[in-house]
Amino acid sequence: MPVADIARLADHVGQLVAIKGWVHHLRSSGKVRFMVVRDGTGLVQGVLVKGQLPEADFAAFDRLTIESSLTLKGKVRAEARAPGGYELEVTRVEPLNLAQDYPISPKEHGVAFLMDHRHLWLRSPRQQAILRVRDEVCRACRDFFHDRGFILVDTPILTPTACEGTTSLFETDYLDRGKAYLSQSGQLYLEAAAMALGRVYCFGPTFRAEKSKTRRHLTEFWMVEAEAAFYTLEDVMELAEGLVSYVVSQVLARHRRELETLERDLAPLEAVVPPFPRISYGEAIARLQEMGNDMAWGEDFGGDEETVISQAFDRPVMVHRYPRSCKAFYMEADPEAPELALCVDMLAPEGYGEIIGGSQRVADLETLLARLEEHHLPREPLEWYLDLRRFGSVPHSGFGLGIERLVAWLCGLKHVREAIPFPRLLDRLYP
C-alpha cells in the first residue's frame, strides 16, 4: 500500500493508501467517527464506520488525542465538503504515539503563551500557511537571481568589524584572536565577490543588537543581498523593483489558499506591478511636513514616517537620495548634490515600511578613507575592503531585502515575529 501525501490525494482517488501524520481534530457520531489528520502537506478527513475495519482499530479511536501520531489506511474518495476536497474511507488505524494533553487549544491564548510554545504553535494552520509563504518567498528570490545570472556567494557570519554601525553589534571572543562580531550584513564581502564574478548575491542570517521592541524588529533575521559591478543606483533600483514584483506574483500564483487561510486581502498585492513610484528624500520630507509631521531635513525616517509615506501609494514606493549624514559610510555621494547619498529605501504599502535598503557604493580609495574617518571606523580591519579600491575599482551597487518584513507584508501580519519559525527578540531567546 503506497504512502501518499495528503496534498496529492487527487492522484489516488479510488485507491488504497496510507497516510502518516498527526491528529488535528476528532469527532464521534455513534457508529461513525471522524478524524482530521495532517501530514505537513495538508489536511484530510478520515471516516471510520463500525464494521468496516477491525474492531480493535475502531476502538483505538477512543484512545487518540489531539496531536497523536498515527498511520491511517483506507480508500481515497472525492468529497467537496471535506477539508482539501477528499476523504479517506478508513480500513486501519495504527497509533504511533498518544500525545499528552495538548496545551494549545482553539481558545484565545496570549502572545507570551504562544511564543513560549512556539515549537508547538507552528503546527497551527495559520502558522503553517505563513511558513509556506516564507518558503515561496525564499525560492522565488533564488530563482529571480539565478535567472539573471547572479552567482550565490556565502558570506561569513563572524566578522572583525561593523558594517552598519558599531552600536548594534553582537560581540563574542574569537578564540585567542580578540573580539569578533555577528554579521550585520554580507555586503562588504559581496562587494569583493562582485569584483570577481560580476553579479552576486548572498542569502543568510544577519544580526542587529538593537534594543527595539517595535513590530518590525528582530535581533536575528534573514536577508537576501545583491551586489553588481558596473551597476548604478538606477540599475539597482530597477533590479529591486523587479525582484519584489516577481516574488509577489509567485506568491499569488502558488499560494492563494494560504493567503485565504490568513484572511489576507489580495487586492493590494495584485496591485504590485511595475513601475513603482519613486520620490526623493526631499519630496518625502515635504509630504510629511504637509501632513503635520515636524521632521527636519537631515533626519532619517522612523517607522511612523515610513508608514505615513507608504500609505500614500498602492504599491511599494522607492525613496532615494537621503542626506549622507544619516547613512552608512560606504554610500557614494550624488555628484550633483554631494550632501546627498546615491541610496534608496523601498517602503512597502499598507504601513509596512522599509523592506529594501540599497545604494551605489563609494568607488574611490581616497573618498572611502575619508568616510572611515568621518564615521570613526578603524582602518586596519578594513584594509582588505580598501584593496577593492586599489585594484581595479569600478562603480558598483547593491541592496539588501529583509525576508521577515517582506513575509509580514505579504501575509498581512501585525508583527514580524510570526514571519520566522523561531524569532529572536529583545526579550526572547526561548525556545
Protein backbone atom coordinates (compact mmCIF):
# COMPACT_ATOMS: atom_id res chain seq x y z
CA MET A 1 0.00 0.00 0.00
CA PRO A 2 1.65 3.30 -1.06
CA VAL A 3 2.25 6.09 1.45
CA ALA A 4 0.59 9.21 0.00
CA ASP A 5 0.98 12.91 0.71
CA ILE A 6 -2.34 14.49 1.58
CA ALA A 7 -1.64 17.26 -0.92
CA ARG A 8 -1.52 14.65 -3.72
CA LEU A 9 -4.61 12.60 -2.87
CA ALA A 10 -6.17 13.68 -6.17
CA ASP A 11 -3.74 11.25 -7.81
CA HIS A 12 -5.08 8.34 -5.73
CA VAL A 13 -8.89 8.56 -5.97
CA GLY A 14 -10.35 5.05 -5.66
CA GLN A 15 -7.05 3.62 -4.40
CA LEU A 16 -5.98 2.26 -1.03
CA VAL A 17 -3.26 4.44 0.53
CA ALA A 18 -1.52 5.02 3.84
CA ILE A 19 -1.34 8.46 5.45
CA LYS A 20 1.30 9.13 8.09
CA GLY A 21 0.60 12.16 10.23
CA TRP A 22 -0.93 13.68 13.34
CA VAL A 23 -4.49 14.03 14.67
CA HIS A 24 -5.83 17.52 14.09
CA HIS A 25 -9.46 17.06 15.12
CA LEU A 26 -11.71 14.26 16.45
CA ARG A 27 -15.50 13.86 16.29
CA SER A 28 -17.77 10.92 17.10
CA SER A 29 -21.31 10.21 15.94
CA GLY A 30 -22.50 6.81 17.08
CA LYS A 31 -21.19 4.11 14.76
CA VAL A 32 -19.43 6.66 12.55
CA ARG A 33 -16.37 8.51 13.71
CA PHE A 34 -14.39 11.25 12.04
CA MET A 35 -10.82 12.37 12.41
CA VAL A 36 -8.98 15.11 10.57
CA VAL A 37 -5.33 14.25 10.08
CA ARG A 38 -2.48 16.48 8.92
CA ASP A 39 0.83 15.32 7.48
CA GLY A 40 2.59 18.62 6.80
CA THR A 41 1.28 18.84 3.23
CA GLY A 42 -2.41 19.30 4.06
CA LEU A 43 -5.48 18.06 5.93
CA VAL A 44 -7.71 15.08 5.19
CA GLN A 45 -10.78 13.72 6.94
CA GLY A 46 -10.79 10.04 7.79
CA VAL A 47 -14.20 8.34 8.18
CA LEU A 48 -14.40 5.28 10.44
CA VAL A 49 -17.57 3.17 10.12
CA LYS A 50 -18.09 0.41 12.65
CA GLY A 51 -17.86 -2.99 10.97
CA GLN A 52 -15.78 -1.70 8.05
CA LEU A 53 -12.46 -2.00 9.87
CA PRO A 54 -11.12 -4.28 12.63
CA GLU A 55 -12.88 -3.74 15.96
CA ALA A 56 -9.56 -3.03 17.69
CA ASP A 57 -8.81 -0.29 15.17
CA PHE A 58 -12.29 1.22 15.60
CA ALA A 59 -11.81 1.17 19.37
CA ALA A 60 -8.37 2.80 19.02
CA PHE A 61 -10.21 5.99 18.09
CA ASP A 62 -11.25 6.42 21.74
CA ARG A 63 -7.61 6.47 22.86
CA LEU A 64 -6.49 9.07 20.36
CA THR A 65 -5.81 12.65 21.43
CA ILE A 66 -5.07 15.86 19.55
CA GLU A 67 -1.56 15.70 18.02
CA SER A 68 -1.24 11.94 18.49
CA SER A 69 0.81 10.49 15.65
CA LEU A 70 -0.53 7.57 13.61
CA THR A 71 -0.73 5.75 10.32
CA LEU A 72 -4.16 5.82 8.71
CA LYS A 73 -5.01 3.45 5.86
CA GLY A 74 -8.01 3.50 3.59
CA LYS A 75 -9.57 4.27 0.21
CA VAL A 76 -9.47 7.79 -1.20
CA ARG A 77 -12.69 9.34 -2.43
CA ALA A 78 -13.59 12.83 -3.63
CA GLU A 79 -15.74 14.78 -1.17
CA ALA A 80 -16.22 18.50 -1.80
CA ARG A 81 -17.39 19.15 1.77
CA ALA A 82 -14.27 17.64 3.37
CA PRO A 83 -11.05 19.57 4.14
CA GLY A 84 -8.97 19.56 0.97
CA GLY A 85 -11.80 18.08 -1.09
CA TYR A 86 -11.03 14.39 -0.37
CA GLU A 87 -11.86 11.83 2.30
CA LEU A 88 -10.35 8.57 3.42
CA GLU A 89 -12.64 5.56 3.99
CA VAL A 90 -10.57 4.18 6.83
CA THR A 91 -9.70 0.48 6.96
CA ARG A 92 -6.87 0.55 9.51
CA VAL A 93 -5.82 2.84 12.39
CA GLU A 94 -2.29 2.37 13.72
CA PRO A 95 -1.42 4.77 16.59
CA LEU A 96 2.28 5.55 16.92
CA ASN A 97 2.41 7.94 19.88
CA LEU A 98 -0.50 9.10 22.05
CA ALA A 99 0.02 12.78 22.78
CA GLN A 100 -0.37 14.19 26.25
CA ASP A 101 -2.89 16.99 26.86
CA TYR A 102 -2.06 19.45 24.10
CA PRO A 103 -1.54 22.93 25.58
CA ILE A 104 -2.71 24.93 22.55
CA SER A 105 -6.47 24.82 22.08
CA PRO A 106 -8.86 26.71 19.75
CA LYS A 107 -9.47 29.26 22.52
CA GLU A 108 -7.62 32.58 22.57
CA HIS A 109 -4.11 32.47 24.03
CA GLY A 110 -1.90 35.41 24.94
CA VAL A 111 1.12 36.28 22.81
CA ALA A 112 3.56 35.38 25.59
CA PHE A 113 1.99 31.93 25.99
CA LEU A 114 2.09 31.26 22.25
CA MET A 115 5.70 32.44 21.98
CA ASP A 116 6.71 30.20 24.91
CA HIS A 117 5.10 27.33 22.98
CA ARG A 118 6.35 28.41 19.57
CA HIS A 119 7.64 24.88 18.90
CA LEU A 120 4.03 23.68 19.08
CA TRP A 121 2.31 26.80 17.76
CA LEU A 122 3.98 26.14 14.39
CA ARG A 123 1.55 23.23 13.93
CA SER A 124 -1.49 25.52 13.67
CA PRO A 125 -2.97 26.09 10.18
CA ARG A 126 -2.21 29.81 10.35
CA GLN A 127 1.45 29.33 11.19
CA GLN A 128 1.83 26.59 8.57
CA ALA A 129 0.38 28.98 5.97
CA ILE A 130 2.89 31.69 6.92
CA LEU A 131 5.81 29.28 6.69
CA ARG A 132 4.67 28.08 3.27
CA VAL A 133 4.55 31.67 2.03
CA ARG A 134 8.01 32.24 3.50
CA ASP A 135 9.31 29.17 1.68
CA GLU A 136 7.91 30.53 -1.58
CA VAL A 137 9.49 33.94 -0.97
CA CYS A 138 12.90 32.33 -0.45
CA ARG A 139 12.54 30.10 -3.51
CA ALA A 140 11.38 32.97 -5.69
CA CYS A 141 14.32 35.17 -4.62
CA ARG A 142 16.78 32.45 -5.58
CA ASP A 143 15.05 31.83 -8.90
CA PHE A 144 15.00 35.54 -9.71
CA PHE A 145 18.73 35.98 -9.22
CA HIS A 146 19.64 32.68 -10.86
CA ASP A 147 17.66 33.58 -13.98
CA ARG A 148 19.52 36.89 -14.22
CA GLY A 149 22.99 35.43 -13.98
CA PHE A 150 23.72 36.28 -10.34
CA ILE A 151 26.01 33.84 -8.52
CA LEU A 152 25.27 32.76 -4.94
CA VAL A 153 28.16 33.60 -2.61
CA ASP A 154 28.04 32.60 1.07
CA THR A 155 29.41 35.43 3.22
CA PRO A 156 30.79 34.98 6.76
CA ILE A 157 28.70 35.24 9.89
CA LEU A 158 31.69 36.01 12.13
CA THR A 159 33.30 39.32 11.13
CA PRO A 160 36.12 41.52 12.51
CA THR A 161 34.26 44.84 12.33
CA ALA A 162 30.93 46.60 11.83
CA CYS A 163 29.10 47.20 8.57
CA GLU A 164 26.02 49.13 9.69
CA GLY A 165 27.17 50.90 12.87
CA THR A 166 29.05 49.89 15.99
CA THR A 167 26.16 50.34 18.43
CA SER A 168 24.19 47.31 17.19
CA LEU A 169 26.88 44.61 17.22
CA PHE A 170 26.71 41.24 18.94
CA GLU A 171 30.21 40.68 20.32
CA THR A 172 31.98 37.41 21.08
CA ASP A 173 35.51 36.22 21.92
CA TYR A 174 37.16 34.65 18.90
CA LEU A 175 39.47 32.05 20.42
CA ASP A 176 42.74 33.89 21.21
CA ARG A 177 42.38 36.37 18.36
CA GLY A 178 40.40 39.01 20.24
CA LYS A 179 36.87 40.18 19.53
CA ALA A 180 34.61 39.08 16.70
CA TYR A 181 31.08 40.14 15.81
CA LEU A 182 27.99 38.52 14.37
CA SER A 183 27.42 39.83 10.88
CA GLN A 184 25.10 42.77 10.36
CA SER A 185 25.23 42.26 6.59
CA GLY A 186 27.13 40.30 3.96
CA GLN A 187 27.50 43.42 1.81
CA LEU A 188 31.21 44.20 2.20
CA TYR A 189 32.16 40.64 1.30
CA LEU A 190 29.71 40.65 -1.59
CA GLU A 191 31.49 43.68 -2.98
CA ALA A 192 34.69 41.62 -3.11
CA ALA A 193 32.86 38.76 -4.81
CA ALA A 194 31.30 41.15 -7.34
CA MET A 195 34.80 42.23 -8.41
CA ALA A 196 35.45 38.57 -9.22
CA LEU A 197 32.12 37.35 -10.58
CA GLY A 198 30.34 40.50 -11.73
CA ARG A 199 26.84 39.87 -10.32
CA VAL A 200 26.44 38.08 -6.98
CA TYR A 201 24.02 37.59 -4.11
CA CYS A 202 24.01 36.05 -0.64
CA PHE A 203 21.18 34.67 1.45
CA GLY A 204 21.61 34.15 5.16
CA PRO A 205 21.07 35.25 8.76
CA THR A 206 22.10 38.68 9.99
CA PHE A 207 22.18 40.10 13.50
CA ARG A 208 21.44 43.51 14.99
CA ALA A 209 21.73 44.14 18.73
CA GLU A 210 19.16 46.91 18.60
CA LYS A 211 17.20 47.44 21.79
CA SER A 212 13.96 47.89 19.92
CA LYS A 213 10.54 46.42 20.64
CA THR A 214 8.76 47.60 17.51
CA ARG A 215 6.68 45.25 15.38
CA ARG A 216 9.30 45.48 12.61
CA HIS A 217 12.43 44.48 14.55
CA LEU A 218 14.16 41.18 15.28
CA THR A 219 17.67 40.69 16.65
CA GLU A 220 18.22 37.81 14.20
CA PHE A 221 16.71 37.94 10.74
CA TRP A 222 17.37 36.76 7.19
CA MET A 223 18.41 38.90 4.27
CA VAL A 224 18.92 38.33 0.59
CA GLU A 225 21.55 40.78 -0.63
CA ALA A 226 22.66 41.52 -4.17
CA GLU A 227 25.76 43.29 -5.48
CA ALA A 228 26.74 44.02 -9.07
CA ALA A 229 29.81 45.54 -10.70
CA PHE A 230 29.15 48.46 -13.07
CA TYR A 231 25.62 48.93 -11.66
CA THR A 232 24.49 52.48 -10.87
CA LEU A 233 21.81 53.49 -8.39
CA GLU A 234 19.26 53.49 -11.22
CA ASP A 235 20.27 49.95 -12.19
CA VAL A 236 19.88 48.65 -8.67
CA MET A 237 16.52 50.39 -8.22
CA GLU A 238 15.26 48.64 -11.33
CA LEU A 239 16.63 45.32 -10.03
CA ALA A 240 14.92 45.75 -6.65
CA GLU A 241 11.63 46.64 -8.34
CA GLY A 242 11.87 43.53 -10.49
CA LEU A 243 12.66 41.29 -7.53
CA VAL A 244 9.75 42.41 -5.36
CA SER A 245 7.19 42.34 -8.17
CA TYR A 246 8.38 38.85 -9.17
CA VAL A 247 8.19 37.49 -5.61
CA VAL A 248 4.69 38.90 -5.11
CA SER A 249 3.50 37.39 -8.40
CA GLN A 250 4.86 33.96 -7.44
CA VAL A 251 3.20 34.01 -4.02
CA LEU A 252 -0.12 34.98 -5.62
CA ALA A 253 0.21 32.30 -8.27
CA ARG A 254 1.18 29.45 -5.94
CA HIS A 255 -0.23 30.22 -2.50
CA ARG A 256 -3.67 31.77 -2.74
CA ARG A 257 -5.02 29.04 -0.47
CA GLU A 258 -2.53 30.01 2.25
CA LEU A 259 -3.34 33.70 1.83
CA GLU A 260 -7.02 32.85 2.17
CA THR A 261 -6.25 30.91 5.38
CA LEU A 262 -4.60 34.10 6.65
CA GLU A 263 -7.66 36.13 5.54
CA ARG A 264 -5.33 38.34 3.52
CA ASP A 265 -6.96 40.90 1.26
CA LEU A 266 -5.43 40.09 -2.13
CA ALA A 267 -6.32 43.33 -3.89
CA PRO A 268 -3.33 45.30 -2.51
CA LEU A 269 -0.94 42.51 -3.57
CA GLU A 270 -2.43 42.28 -7.05
CA ALA A 271 -1.64 46.00 -7.50
CA VAL A 272 2.09 45.34 -7.03
CA VAL A 273 3.26 45.65 -10.62
CA PRO A 274 5.99 47.85 -12.11
CA PRO A 275 6.67 50.67 -12.35
CA PHE A 276 6.92 51.55 -8.65
CA PRO A 277 6.65 55.24 -7.72
CA ARG A 278 9.94 56.98 -6.95
CA ILE A 279 10.31 60.09 -4.83
CA SER A 280 13.37 61.86 -3.46
CA TYR A 281 14.07 62.25 0.23
CA GLY A 282 13.35 65.96 -0.16
CA GLU A 283 9.95 65.23 -1.67
CA ALA A 284 9.22 62.78 1.15
CA ILE A 285 10.10 65.41 3.79
CA ALA A 286 7.80 67.91 2.08
CA ARG A 287 4.95 65.40 2.09
CA LEU A 288 5.46 64.70 5.79
CA GLN A 289 5.52 68.37 6.69
CA GLU A 290 2.35 68.99 4.68
CA MET A 291 0.65 66.33 6.82
CA GLY A 292 1.76 67.94 10.07
CA ASN A 293 4.92 65.97 10.80
CA ASP A 294 7.63 68.29 12.14
CA MET A 295 10.55 66.14 10.99
CA ALA A 296 13.52 68.25 9.95
CA TRP A 297 15.61 67.80 6.81
CA GLY A 298 18.65 65.63 7.59
CA GLU A 299 16.96 63.12 9.88
CA ASP A 300 16.44 59.50 8.89
CA PHE A 301 12.89 58.18 8.80
CA GLY A 302 11.49 56.12 11.62
CA GLY A 303 8.66 53.63 11.46
CA ASP A 304 5.97 56.30 11.83
CA GLU A 305 7.34 58.38 8.96
CA GLU A 306 7.72 55.33 6.73
CA THR A 307 4.12 54.38 7.43
CA VAL A 308 2.79 57.82 6.52
CA ILE A 309 4.79 57.96 3.28
CA SER A 310 3.92 54.43 2.15
CA GLN A 311 0.20 54.82 2.83
CA ALA A 312 0.02 57.38 0.02
CA PHE A 313 0.74 54.69 -2.60
CA ASP A 314 -0.93 51.45 -3.69
CA ARG A 315 2.39 49.65 -4.30
CA PRO A 316 5.93 49.89 -2.92
CA VAL A 317 7.48 53.33 -3.15
CA MET A 318 11.21 53.95 -3.56
CA VAL A 319 12.60 56.91 -1.63
CA HIS A 320 16.04 57.86 -2.94
CA ARG A 321 18.92 60.25 -2.23
CA TYR A 322 18.90 60.67 1.54
CA PRO A 323 21.37 63.02 3.25
CA ARG A 324 24.78 61.36 3.55
CA SER A 325 24.91 62.38 7.20
CA CYS A 326 22.27 59.83 8.18
CA LYS A 327 23.50 56.96 6.01
CA ALA A 328 26.33 54.41 6.06
CA PHE A 329 29.97 55.19 5.28
CA TYR A 330 30.11 53.13 2.07
CA MET A 331 27.43 55.07 0.14
CA GLU A 332 28.52 57.12 -2.87
CA ALA A 333 27.73 60.82 -2.92
CA ASP A 334 25.45 62.27 -5.58
CA PRO A 335 27.81 64.19 -7.91
CA GLU A 336 25.09 66.80 -8.50
CA ALA A 337 24.42 67.27 -4.77
CA PRO A 338 27.37 65.97 -2.68
CA GLU A 339 25.44 66.31 0.57
CA LEU A 340 23.15 63.51 -0.67
CA ALA A 341 23.89 59.80 -0.96
CA LEU A 342 23.10 57.70 -4.02
CA CYS A 343 20.86 55.42 -1.99
CA VAL A 344 17.32 54.09 -1.93
CA ASP A 345 14.85 52.60 0.55
CA MET A 346 11.86 50.67 -0.71
CA LEU A 347 8.81 51.10 1.53
CA ALA A 348 6.04 48.52 1.37
CA PRO A 349 2.44 49.79 1.20
CA GLU A 350 -0.25 49.37 3.87
CA GLY A 351 2.07 50.79 6.52
CA TYR A 352 4.68 48.01 6.46
CA GLY A 353 7.63 50.32 5.93
CA GLU A 354 11.14 49.58 4.70
CA ILE A 355 11.74 46.20 3.09
CA ILE A 356 14.81 47.07 0.99
CA GLY A 357 17.79 49.34 1.53
CA GLY A 358 20.41 49.84 -1.15
CA SER A 359 22.92 52.22 -2.67
CA GLN A 360 25.70 52.86 -5.12
CA ARG A 361 28.98 52.23 -3.27
CA VAL A 362 31.98 54.52 -2.92
CA ALA A 363 34.42 53.53 -5.67
CA ASP A 364 37.32 55.91 -4.96
CA LEU A 365 40.01 54.96 -2.41
CA GLU A 366 40.67 58.43 -1.00
CA THR A 367 36.96 59.12 -0.61
CA LEU A 368 36.47 55.85 1.26
CA LEU A 369 39.40 56.61 3.57
CA ALA A 370 37.83 59.96 4.40
CA ARG A 371 34.50 58.26 5.10
CA LEU A 372 36.08 55.86 7.57
CA GLU A 373 37.45 58.84 9.48
CA GLU A 374 34.08 60.62 9.40
CA HIS A 375 32.37 57.57 10.89
CA HIS A 376 35.17 56.84 13.39
CA LEU A 377 35.73 53.36 11.99
CA PRO A 378 39.09 51.57 12.34
CA ARG A 379 41.10 51.24 9.14
CA GLU A 380 43.12 48.11 9.92
CA PRO A 381 40.28 45.54 9.94
CA LEU A 382 39.07 47.00 6.63
CA GLU A 383 42.34 47.01 4.70
CA TRP A 384 41.02 44.14 2.58
CA TYR A 385 37.95 46.24 1.76
CA LEU A 386 40.18 49.16 0.78
CA ASP A 387 42.07 46.82 -1.55
CA LEU A 388 38.94 46.62 -3.68
CA ARG A 389 39.51 50.31 -4.47
CA ARG A 390 43.23 49.82 -5.09
CA PHE A 391 42.96 47.05 -7.65
CA GLY A 392 40.57 47.74 -10.50
CA SER A 393 37.82 49.67 -8.71
CA VAL A 394 34.62 50.23 -10.69
CA PRO A 395 31.20 51.76 -9.96
CA HIS A 396 29.08 49.14 -8.25
CA SER A 397 25.80 48.96 -6.37
CA GLY A 398 23.66 46.64 -4.30
CA PHE A 399 20.82 46.23 -1.83
CA GLY A 400 19.53 44.05 0.98
CA LEU A 401 15.96 42.75 1.34
CA GLY A 402 14.64 41.70 4.75
CA ILE A 403 12.81 38.40 4.38
CA GLU A 404 10.71 38.68 7.54
CA ARG A 405 9.47 42.17 6.70
CA LEU A 406 8.54 41.04 3.20
CA VAL A 407 6.73 37.97 4.53
CA ALA A 408 4.92 40.05 7.16
CA TRP A 409 3.63 42.38 4.45
CA LEU A 410 2.61 39.59 2.07
CA CYS A 411 0.77 37.72 4.84
CA GLY A 412 -0.73 40.82 6.44
CA LEU A 413 0.91 40.13 9.82
CA LYS A 414 0.88 42.64 12.64
CA HIS A 415 4.39 41.68 13.83
CA VAL A 416 7.45 40.15 12.17
CA ARG A 417 7.74 37.58 15.00
CA GLU A 418 5.31 35.31 13.11
CA ALA A 419 7.31 35.60 9.88
CA ILE A 420 10.24 33.49 11.16
CA PRO A 421 10.00 30.00 12.69
CA PHE A 422 11.79 30.84 15.95
CA PRO A 423 12.03 34.61 16.47
CA ARG A 424 14.80 36.23 18.45
CA LEU A 425 13.63 39.43 20.08
CA LEU A 426 14.97 41.91 22.60
CA ASP A 427 13.30 39.95 25.40
CA ARG A 428 13.20 36.44 23.91
CA LEU A 429 15.77 33.70 23.36
CA TYR A 430 13.43 30.71 24.06
CA PRO A 431 12.63 28.26 22.65
